[in-house]
Amino acid sequence: MHLARFPRVFLAHLPTPLERMDRLTKELGGPEIWIKRDDCTGMSTGGNKTRKLEFLMAEALAEGADTVITQGATQSNHARQTAAFAAKLGLACHILLEDRTGSNDANYNGNGNVLLDHLHGATTSKRAGGTDMAAEMVTLALRLQGEGRKTFIIPGGGSNPTGALGYVNCALELLAQANDRALVIDHLVTATGSAGTQAGLITGLKALNSGIPLLGIGVRAPREKQEESVFNLALRTAEKLGCPGVVSRADVIANTDYVGAGYGIPRADTLEAIQLFAQMEGILLDPVYSGKGAAGLIDLIRKGHFKKGQRIVFLHTGGAAGLFGYDAVFAEHQKVMTV
């Protein structure tokens, strides 16, 4: 796994911290909980997309692109980080935002990540929920090419084999940190959505023969669909790395019990998880990915799935900027909690 063979722009703040969460561990009374702080990767408040974009943007530059196009939900962390990379590298950035929640809230539609998209100089346009966003990006690319632009399309979440290399690299980094402090990791847990983070991690963990099982807490798709998406991307990532077959179907595990009403719609347990991390550890999660991932982790600990004596690492995928689009949701939750 010689990742230096692949083009990369070095903009991330790495390695990200690996910290023990003592107060949350005590509060839950279960395993020893650690956190891998990929909310600290840099580039417009950080998040997991920074690792992916180091490889994706290098590919765009290698192809001579002057314009990048991507897509995501209204409060997309990926869109915000892509816009930041484009600003840093002097590229134009066009973002298609899919309305997956149907929210009419002004903060949701204009604050948080959307505000930052525009501050970085990106242009955005909205599409209805359920739109074929890949086709829409191609249509936009063709129009811009007709205007003389050299375009590069980045898939939603940066989730293709190139983007997944960022999380192969994260697996290398995490194992080095664990080895340096004699930390035996019994389980690694993270949120999973567009598949690139989980696929890159499991490919790296298996290629390194780490023996660490990985659980993805789903934020959108049903379990079978989520696992198939991750597995298929892991296969392609392993082939790109030159280690085909290193990941088996049994290695890819997702729990989708915490999705709730749909993508971007937090349940009460998501909001509780965000508050617990904030009040116990001073760490901000987001309502779309890390909040749902943490809700799953907390519930599984309470149910005894993860046991005392084990060491669990939660990989924080970032996204706290999105909190500012969800103030009405938190206000309503607080009202319910105080009735």
Protein backbone atom coordinates (compact mmCIF):
# COMPACT_ATOMS: atom_id res chain seq x y z
CA MET A 1 0.00 0.00 0.00
CA HIS A 2 2.45 2.62 -1.24
CA LEU A 3 0.08 5.60 -1.36
CA ALA A 4 2.81 7.93 -2.59
CA ARG A 5 2.20 6.41 -6.04
CA PHE A 6 -1.04 8.43 -6.27
CA PRO A 7 -1.27 12.20 -6.87
CA ARG A 8 -2.10 14.14 -3.70
CA VAL A 9 -2.27 17.72 -2.50
CA PHE A 10 -1.11 17.97 1.11
CA LEU A 11 -3.56 20.34 2.78
CA ALA A 12 -4.97 18.28 5.66
CA HIS A 13 -3.84 18.74 9.26
CA LEU A 14 -2.57 15.24 9.92
CA PRO A 15 -2.30 13.13 11.92
CA THR A 16 -5.58 13.95 13.65
CA PRO A 17 -5.68 13.42 17.43
CA LEU A 18 -6.62 10.09 18.99
CA GLU A 19 -8.06 10.87 22.43
CA ARG A 20 -9.61 8.95 25.30
CA MET A 21 -13.05 10.19 26.40
CA ASP A 22 -12.93 9.62 30.14
CA ARG A 23 -16.12 11.41 31.17
CA LEU A 24 -18.29 9.78 28.50
CA THR A 25 -16.78 6.39 29.36
CA LYS A 26 -17.73 6.89 33.02
CA GLU A 27 -21.20 8.19 32.13
CA LEU A 28 -22.06 5.14 30.02
CA GLY A 29 -20.39 2.63 32.33
CA GLY A 30 -19.29 0.37 29.50
CA PRO A 31 -16.12 0.04 27.40
CA GLU A 32 -13.25 2.50 27.29
CA ILE A 33 -14.18 4.99 24.57
CA TRP A 34 -11.61 6.70 22.36
CA ILE A 35 -12.21 9.19 19.56
CA LYS A 36 -10.29 9.72 16.31
CA ARG A 37 -10.70 13.45 15.70
CA ASP A 38 -11.26 13.72 11.96
CA ASP A 39 -13.23 16.86 12.72
CA CYS A 40 -9.73 18.38 13.03
CA THR A 41 -8.49 17.74 9.48
CA GLY A 42 -8.56 21.41 8.51
CA MET A 43 -10.04 23.14 5.44
CA SER A 44 -13.14 25.09 6.48
CA THR A 45 -13.70 23.57 9.95
CA GLY A 46 -12.50 20.10 8.89
CA GLY A 47 -14.20 16.75 8.49
CA ASN A 48 -13.73 13.43 6.77
CA LYS A 49 -13.97 14.82 3.23
CA THR A 50 -10.62 16.60 3.60
CA ARG A 51 -8.75 13.28 3.46
CA LYS A 52 -10.64 12.28 0.31
CA LEU A 53 -10.25 15.64 -1.37
CA GLU A 54 -6.46 15.57 -1.05
CA PHE A 55 -6.46 12.76 -3.62
CA LEU A 56 -9.49 13.90 -5.66
CA MET A 57 -8.28 17.46 -6.13
CA ALA A 58 -4.81 16.24 -7.07
CA GLU A 59 -6.45 14.17 -9.79
CA ALA A 60 -8.40 17.22 -10.96
CA LEU A 61 -5.20 19.27 -11.19
CA ALA A 62 -3.38 16.45 -12.99
CA GLU A 63 -6.14 16.47 -15.62
CA GLY A 64 -5.81 20.22 -16.11
CA ALA A 65 -9.21 21.12 -14.69
CA ASP A 66 -10.08 24.73 -13.93
CA THR A 67 -13.57 23.94 -12.59
CA VAL A 68 -14.85 21.30 -10.20
CA ILE A 69 -18.46 20.16 -9.95
CA THR A 70 -19.95 18.18 -7.10
CA GLN A 71 -23.26 17.52 -5.39
CA GLY A 72 -24.75 16.82 -1.98
CA ALA A 73 -27.67 17.52 0.32
CA THR A 74 -28.47 21.11 1.30
CA GLN A 75 -26.28 20.99 4.44
CA SER A 76 -23.55 18.95 2.75
CA ASN A 77 -20.22 18.85 4.58
CA HIS A 78 -18.63 17.53 1.40
CA ALA A 79 -19.84 20.53 -0.59
CA ARG A 80 -18.38 22.95 1.97
CA GLN A 81 -15.00 21.23 2.02
CA THR A 82 -14.87 20.96 -1.78
CA ALA A 83 -15.57 24.68 -2.01
CA ALA A 84 -12.70 25.35 0.44
CA PHE A 85 -10.26 23.19 -1.55
CA ALA A 86 -11.28 24.91 -4.78
CA ALA A 87 -10.68 28.32 -3.18
CA LYS A 88 -7.26 27.26 -1.91
CA LEU A 89 -6.24 25.85 -5.29
CA GLY A 90 -7.70 28.64 -7.43
CA LEU A 91 -10.40 26.55 -9.12
CA ALA A 92 -14.00 27.48 -9.85
CA CYS A 93 -16.53 25.38 -7.92
CA HIS A 94 -20.14 24.61 -8.82
CA ILE A 95 -22.30 22.69 -6.33
CA LEU A 96 -25.68 21.07 -6.94
CA LEU A 97 -27.64 20.79 -3.68
CA GLU A 98 -30.39 18.18 -3.43
CA ASP A 99 -33.36 18.98 -1.18
CA ARG A 100 -33.55 15.68 0.72
CA THR A 101 -35.47 16.95 3.75
CA GLY A 102 -38.10 19.29 2.31
CA SER A 103 -37.30 21.85 5.00
CA ASN A 104 -38.49 25.44 4.56
CA ASP A 105 -36.45 26.69 7.51
CA ALA A 106 -34.40 29.75 6.53
CA ASN A 107 -31.39 28.73 8.62
CA TYR A 108 -31.36 25.22 7.19
CA ASN A 109 -31.43 26.54 3.63
CA GLY A 110 -29.06 29.48 4.04
CA ASN A 111 -26.93 29.12 7.16
CA GLY A 112 -24.33 26.55 8.27
CA ASN A 113 -22.62 24.78 5.39
CA VAL A 114 -24.57 26.73 2.75
CA LEU A 115 -23.25 30.02 4.10
CA LEU A 116 -19.70 28.64 4.01
CA ASP A 117 -20.12 27.31 0.45
CA HIS A 118 -20.81 30.86 -0.69
CA LEU A 119 -18.09 32.43 1.48
CA HIS A 120 -15.58 30.20 -0.30
CA GLY A 121 -16.81 31.52 -3.63
CA ALA A 122 -18.73 28.47 -4.85
CA THR A 123 -21.95 28.81 -6.81
CA THR A 124 -24.87 26.62 -5.75
CA SER A 125 -28.15 25.59 -7.30
CA LYS A 126 -30.89 23.40 -5.87
CA ARG A 127 -32.48 20.23 -7.16
CA ALA A 128 -35.57 18.42 -5.89
CA GLY A 129 -35.17 15.36 -3.68
CA GLY A 130 -34.84 12.16 -5.70
CA THR A 131 -33.21 13.88 -8.69
CA ASP A 132 -30.57 11.88 -10.58
CA MET A 133 -27.73 14.03 -9.31
CA ALA A 134 -25.01 12.22 -11.25
CA ALA A 135 -26.85 12.97 -14.49
CA GLU A 136 -27.36 16.58 -13.44
CA MET A 137 -23.63 16.99 -12.87
CA VAL A 138 -22.87 15.63 -16.34
CA THR A 139 -25.39 18.04 -17.87
CA LEU A 140 -23.78 20.97 -16.07
CA ALA A 141 -20.28 19.81 -17.05
CA LEU A 142 -21.23 19.65 -20.73
CA ARG A 143 -22.68 23.17 -20.59
CA LEU A 144 -19.56 24.56 -18.92
CA GLN A 145 -17.30 22.72 -21.37
CA GLY A 146 -19.25 24.42 -24.15
CA GLU A 147 -18.27 27.72 -22.53
CA GLY A 148 -14.60 26.72 -22.63
CA ARG A 149 -14.19 25.39 -19.08
CA LYS A 150 -12.17 22.29 -18.22
CA THR A 151 -14.38 20.46 -15.75
CA PHE A 152 -13.79 17.70 -13.21
CA ILE A 153 -16.72 15.93 -11.58
CA ILE A 154 -16.40 14.79 -7.97
CA PRO A 155 -19.09 12.30 -6.87
CA GLY A 156 -21.24 13.00 -3.83
CA GLY A 157 -19.23 12.52 -0.65
CA GLY A 158 -16.06 12.18 -2.71
CA SER A 159 -16.83 8.47 -2.65
CA ASN A 160 -15.00 6.67 -5.43
CA PRO A 161 -11.75 4.64 -5.32
CA THR A 162 -9.63 7.80 -5.53
CA GLY A 163 -11.44 9.45 -2.62
CA ALA A 164 -11.42 6.24 -0.58
CA LEU A 165 -7.59 6.34 -0.64
CA GLY A 166 -7.89 9.06 2.00
CA TYR A 167 -9.36 6.54 4.42
CA VAL A 168 -6.92 3.82 3.50
CA ASN A 169 -4.37 6.36 4.65
CA CYS A 170 -6.41 7.00 7.81
CA ALA A 171 -6.27 3.28 8.64
CA LEU A 172 -2.46 3.45 8.36
CA GLU A 173 -2.40 6.51 10.59
CA LEU A 174 -4.72 5.05 13.22
CA LEU A 175 -2.74 1.80 13.45
CA ALA A 176 0.51 3.74 13.88
CA GLN A 177 -1.01 5.80 16.69
CA ALA A 178 -2.42 2.71 18.41
CA ASN A 179 0.91 0.89 18.12
CA ASP A 180 2.83 3.85 19.53
CA ARG A 181 0.73 3.83 22.71
CA ALA A 182 0.16 0.06 23.02
CA LEU A 183 -3.57 0.59 22.47
CA VAL A 184 -5.37 -2.61 21.50
CA ILE A 185 -8.48 -1.51 19.58
CA ASP A 186 -11.35 -3.97 19.91
CA HIS A 187 -13.79 -2.15 17.61
CA LEU A 188 -13.81 0.88 15.31
CA VAL A 189 -17.16 2.66 14.82
CA THR A 190 -18.08 5.47 12.42
CA ALA A 191 -21.02 6.93 10.55
CA THR A 192 -21.48 5.66 7.00
CA GLY A 193 -23.38 7.29 4.15
CA SER A 194 -21.91 7.68 0.66
CA ALA A 195 -19.61 4.71 1.48
CA GLY A 196 -16.15 6.16 0.87
CA THR A 197 -15.06 6.48 4.49
CA GLN A 198 -16.11 2.97 5.50
CA ALA A 199 -14.83 1.43 2.26
CA GLY A 200 -11.42 3.08 2.58
CA LEU A 201 -11.10 2.16 6.24
CA ILE A 202 -12.02 -1.50 5.81
CA THR A 203 -9.70 -1.82 2.81
CA GLY A 204 -6.81 -0.36 4.78
CA LEU A 205 -7.56 -2.33 7.95
CA LYS A 206 -7.75 -5.62 6.06
CA ALA A 207 -4.67 -4.94 3.93
CA LEU A 208 -2.75 -4.24 7.14
CA ASN A 209 -4.08 -7.42 8.77
CA SER A 210 -5.11 -5.25 11.73
CA GLY A 211 -7.70 -7.60 13.21
CA ILE A 212 -9.90 -4.59 14.03
CA PRO A 213 -13.59 -5.03 13.15
CA LEU A 214 -15.28 -1.96 11.67
CA LEU A 215 -18.94 -1.05 12.23
CA GLY A 216 -20.62 1.59 10.12
CA ILE A 217 -23.69 3.29 11.58
CA GLY A 218 -25.88 4.10 8.59
CA VAL A 219 -27.36 7.56 8.08
CA ARG A 220 -29.54 7.02 5.01
CA ALA A 221 -29.89 3.70 3.17
CA PRO A 222 -31.32 0.34 4.35
CA ARG A 223 -28.73 -2.11 5.67
CA GLU A 224 -28.44 -4.39 2.63
CA LYS A 225 -28.09 -1.47 0.23
CA GLN A 226 -25.56 0.29 2.48
CA GLU A 227 -23.39 -2.78 2.92
CA GLU A 228 -23.43 -3.59 -0.81
CA SER A 229 -22.45 -0.02 -1.66
CA VAL A 230 -19.54 -0.11 0.78
CA PHE A 231 -18.41 -3.58 -0.30
CA ASN A 232 -18.47 -2.73 -4.01
CA LEU A 233 -16.42 0.41 -3.41
CA ALA A 234 -13.99 -1.49 -1.17
CA LEU A 235 -13.44 -4.03 -3.96
CA ARG A 236 -12.63 -1.26 -6.44
CA THR A 237 -10.38 0.51 -3.93
CA ALA A 238 -8.44 -2.68 -3.23
CA GLU A 239 -7.94 -3.19 -6.97
CA LYS A 240 -6.65 0.37 -7.32
CA LEU A 241 -4.18 -0.33 -4.50
CA GLY A 242 -3.01 -3.57 -6.06
CA CYS A 243 -4.40 -5.90 -3.38
CA PRO A 244 -7.58 -7.29 -4.97
CA GLY A 245 -9.69 -9.61 -2.85
CA VAL A 246 -8.35 -8.37 0.49
CA VAL A 247 -11.89 -7.42 1.64
CA SER A 248 -14.60 -10.08 1.93
CA ARG A 249 -18.33 -9.46 2.05
CA ALA A 250 -18.36 -10.54 5.73
CA ASP A 251 -15.96 -7.69 6.60
CA VAL A 252 -18.51 -5.03 5.69
CA ILE A 253 -21.03 -4.47 8.48
CA ALA A 254 -23.53 -1.64 8.80
CA ASN A 255 -26.21 -1.01 11.41
CA THR A 256 -29.00 1.16 10.02
CA ASP A 257 -31.28 1.17 13.07
CA TYR A 258 -30.59 4.86 13.76
CA VAL A 259 -31.52 6.41 10.39
CA GLY A 260 -34.97 7.47 11.58
CA ALA A 261 -37.22 9.34 9.15
CA GLY A 262 -34.43 9.77 6.62
CA TYR A 263 -31.17 11.44 5.66
CA GLY A 264 -30.58 14.75 7.40
CA ILE A 265 -33.51 14.29 9.80
CA PRO A 266 -32.16 13.73 13.33
CA ARG A 267 -34.05 11.60 15.85
CA ALA A 268 -34.20 12.36 19.57
CA ASP A 269 -31.31 9.96 20.19
CA THR A 270 -29.16 11.88 17.68
CA LEU A 271 -29.82 15.12 19.53
CA GLU A 272 -29.10 13.41 22.87
CA ALA A 273 -25.78 12.11 21.51
CA ILE A 274 -24.80 15.59 20.32
CA GLN A 275 -25.58 17.02 23.74
CA LEU A 276 -23.73 14.24 25.58
CA PHE A 277 -20.54 14.72 23.55
CA ALA A 278 -20.77 18.50 23.94
CA GLN A 279 -21.46 18.46 27.67
CA MET A 280 -19.20 15.55 28.65
CA GLU A 281 -16.22 16.08 26.33
CA GLY A 282 -16.52 19.53 24.77
CA ILE A 283 -16.76 17.92 21.32
CA LEU A 284 -19.26 19.05 18.68
CA LEU A 285 -20.98 16.46 16.48
CA ASP A 286 -23.33 17.12 13.56
CA PRO A 287 -27.01 16.15 13.11
CA VAL A 288 -26.52 14.23 9.86
CA TYR A 289 -23.50 11.91 10.20
CA SER A 290 -21.47 11.97 13.41
CA GLY A 291 -24.55 12.56 15.58
CA LYS A 292 -26.31 9.48 14.23
CA GLY A 293 -23.09 7.48 14.42
CA ALA A 294 -22.66 8.48 18.07
CA ALA A 295 -26.31 7.70 18.82
CA GLY A 296 -25.72 4.17 17.55
CA LEU A 297 -22.53 3.82 19.58
CA ILE A 298 -24.23 5.01 22.78
CA ASP A 299 -27.25 2.76 22.33
CA LEU A 300 -25.12 -0.31 21.59
CA ILE A 301 -23.07 0.36 24.73
CA ARG A 302 -26.23 0.67 26.80
CA LYS A 303 -27.51 -2.61 25.36
CA GLY A 304 -24.26 -4.40 26.23
CA HIS A 305 -23.15 -4.99 22.64
CA PHE A 306 -19.83 -3.32 23.50
CA LYS A 307 -18.66 -4.48 26.92
CA LYS A 308 -16.63 -3.24 29.85
CA GLY A 309 -12.93 -3.94 29.36
CA GLN A 310 -13.08 -3.39 25.60
CA ARG A 311 -11.57 -0.39 23.87
CA ILE A 312 -13.74 1.27 21.24
CA VAL A 313 -12.60 4.00 18.85
CA PHE A 314 -15.26 6.31 17.42
CA LEU A 315 -14.11 8.02 14.23
CA HIS A 316 -15.54 11.55 14.22
CA THR A 317 -16.40 12.57 10.64
CA GLY A 318 -16.86 16.28 11.46
CA GLY A 319 -19.70 18.49 10.25
CA ALA A 320 -20.29 20.81 13.23
CA ALA A 321 -20.90 23.73 10.84
CA GLY A 322 -24.20 22.07 9.97
CA LEU A 323 -25.46 22.61 13.55
CA PHE A 324 -26.27 26.22 12.66
CA GLY A 325 -28.86 25.00 10.17
CA TYR A 326 -30.66 22.96 12.84
CA ASP A 327 -31.33 25.50 15.60
CA ALA A 328 -35.11 25.05 15.26
CA VAL A 329 -34.77 21.28 15.70
CA PHE A 330 -32.76 21.71 18.89
CA ALA A 331 -35.23 24.29 20.22
CA GLU A 332 -38.12 21.89 19.65
CA HIS A 333 -36.20 19.03 21.26
CA GLN A 334 -35.45 21.16 24.30
CA LYS A 335 -39.12 22.13 24.57
CA VAL A 336 -40.15 18.48 24.55
CA MET A 337 -37.49 17.58 27.15
CA THR A 338 -38.66 20.29 29.57
CA VAL A 339 -42.41 19.63 29.35
